[in-house]
């Protein structure tokens, strides 16, 4: 009977630890997303874009990195396939440094 109580206690402790672990991982994911958005509040100059791409974006009123997130780059006049690839490459490098 005593062994049964110990096993039941261990099972409950393991279940509780799994629940806590899951909550912690969820919070870290939320914090990571928040930090990404905070870091993305930087001016687009931090991306070290080629001058022509930077000038095109500034001409369309895009001043911050986060403004690029939901932007349809294909609709921006002057950005072709190669420049969009360069822009996404610079964004990848920026977020890799975070």
Protein backbone atom coordinates (compact mmCIF):
# COMPACT_ATOMS: atom_id res chain seq x y z
CA UNK A 1 0.00 0.00 0.00
CA UNK A 2 2.86 2.34 0.84
CA UNK A 3 4.53 1.71 -2.56
CA UNK A 4 1.26 2.54 -4.26
CA UNK A 5 1.12 5.91 -2.50
CA UNK A 6 4.71 6.67 -3.49
CA UNK A 7 4.04 5.74 -7.13
CA UNK A 8 0.90 7.87 -7.17
CA UNK A 9 2.82 10.79 -5.65
CA UNK A 10 5.59 10.46 -8.26
CA UNK A 11 3.03 10.32 -11.06
CA UNK A 12 1.32 13.51 -9.81
CA UNK A 13 4.68 15.27 -9.45
CA UNK A 14 5.67 14.29 -12.99
CA UNK A 15 2.34 15.50 -14.36
CA UNK A 16 2.78 18.80 -12.53
CA UNK A 17 6.33 19.21 -13.87
CA UNK A 18 5.14 18.55 -17.43
CA UNK A 19 2.44 21.22 -17.02
CA UNK A 20 4.95 23.75 -15.66
CA UNK A 21 7.44 22.92 -18.44
CA UNK A 22 4.74 23.46 -21.07
CA UNK A 23 3.76 26.83 -19.56
CA UNK A 24 7.39 27.99 -19.41
CA UNK A 25 8.02 27.06 -23.04
CA UNK A 26 4.86 28.92 -24.07
CA UNK A 27 5.97 32.05 -22.17
CA UNK A 28 9.45 31.92 -23.71
CA UNK A 29 7.88 31.71 -27.15
CA UNK A 30 5.74 34.76 -26.38
CA UNK A 31 8.78 36.66 -25.06
CA UNK A 32 10.76 35.76 -28.19
CA UNK A 33 7.99 37.13 -30.41
CA UNK A 34 7.81 40.30 -28.33
CA UNK A 35 11.57 40.81 -28.55
CA UNK A 36 11.50 40.31 -32.30
CA UNK A 37 8.87 43.01 -32.67
CA UNK A 38 10.76 45.35 -30.35
CA UNK A 39 13.94 44.82 -32.30
CA UNK A 40 12.03 45.36 -35.52
CA UNK A 41 11.18 48.88 -34.38
CA UNK A 42 14.59 49.85 -35.73
CA UNK A 43 15.00 52.08 -38.77
CA UNK A 44 15.47 50.27 -42.08
CA UNK A 45 19.02 51.60 -42.27
CA UNK A 46 20.10 48.89 -39.81
CA UNK A 47 19.46 46.31 -42.53
CA UNK A 48 22.44 47.65 -44.53
CA UNK A 49 20.43 47.50 -47.73
CA UNK A 50 21.86 48.56 -51.08
CA UNK A 51 21.24 52.27 -51.64
CA UNK A 52 18.65 51.79 -54.40
CA UNK A 53 16.49 49.44 -52.31
CA UNK A 54 16.69 51.73 -49.30
CA UNK A 55 15.74 54.74 -51.45
CA UNK A 56 12.76 52.87 -52.95
CA UNK A 57 11.49 51.85 -49.51
CA UNK A 58 11.91 55.34 -48.08
CA UNK A 59 10.10 56.74 -51.11
CA UNK A 60 7.13 54.52 -50.26
CA UNK A 61 7.12 55.74 -46.64
CA UNK A 62 8.66 52.63 -45.14
CA UNK A 63 10.83 53.85 -42.29
CA UNK A 64 10.92 50.93 -39.85
CA UNK A 65 11.78 47.24 -40.17
CA UNK A 66 8.42 46.12 -38.76
CA UNK A 67 6.63 47.92 -41.61
CA UNK A 68 8.07 45.29 -43.96
CA UNK A 69 6.33 42.39 -42.19
CA UNK A 70 2.89 42.60 -43.79
CA UNK A 71 3.96 44.43 -46.91
CA UNK A 72 3.40 42.97 -50.37
CA UNK A 73 6.84 43.67 -51.83
CA UNK A 74 5.72 42.72 -55.33
CA UNK A 75 3.40 45.74 -55.43
CA UNK A 76 6.21 48.22 -54.75
CA UNK A 77 7.35 49.79 -57.97
CA UNK A 78 11.09 49.44 -58.49
CA UNK A 79 11.51 46.26 -56.48
CA UNK A 80 12.08 43.38 -58.84
CA UNK A 81 12.84 39.77 -58.11
CA UNK A 82 16.55 40.34 -57.48
CA UNK A 83 16.01 43.32 -55.16
CA UNK A 84 13.31 41.49 -53.21
CA UNK A 85 15.72 38.58 -52.78
CA UNK A 86 18.41 40.99 -51.53
CA UNK A 87 15.92 42.58 -49.14
CA UNK A 88 14.78 39.26 -47.70
CA UNK A 89 18.40 38.18 -47.35
CA UNK A 90 19.16 41.31 -45.33
CA UNK A 91 16.07 40.69 -43.17
CA UNK A 92 17.20 37.11 -42.55
CA UNK A 93 20.62 38.33 -41.45
CA UNK A 94 19.04 40.94 -39.17
CA UNK A 95 16.84 38.42 -37.39
CA UNK A 96 19.63 35.86 -37.19
CA UNK A 97 21.59 38.33 -35.06
CA UNK A 98 18.79 38.56 -32.46
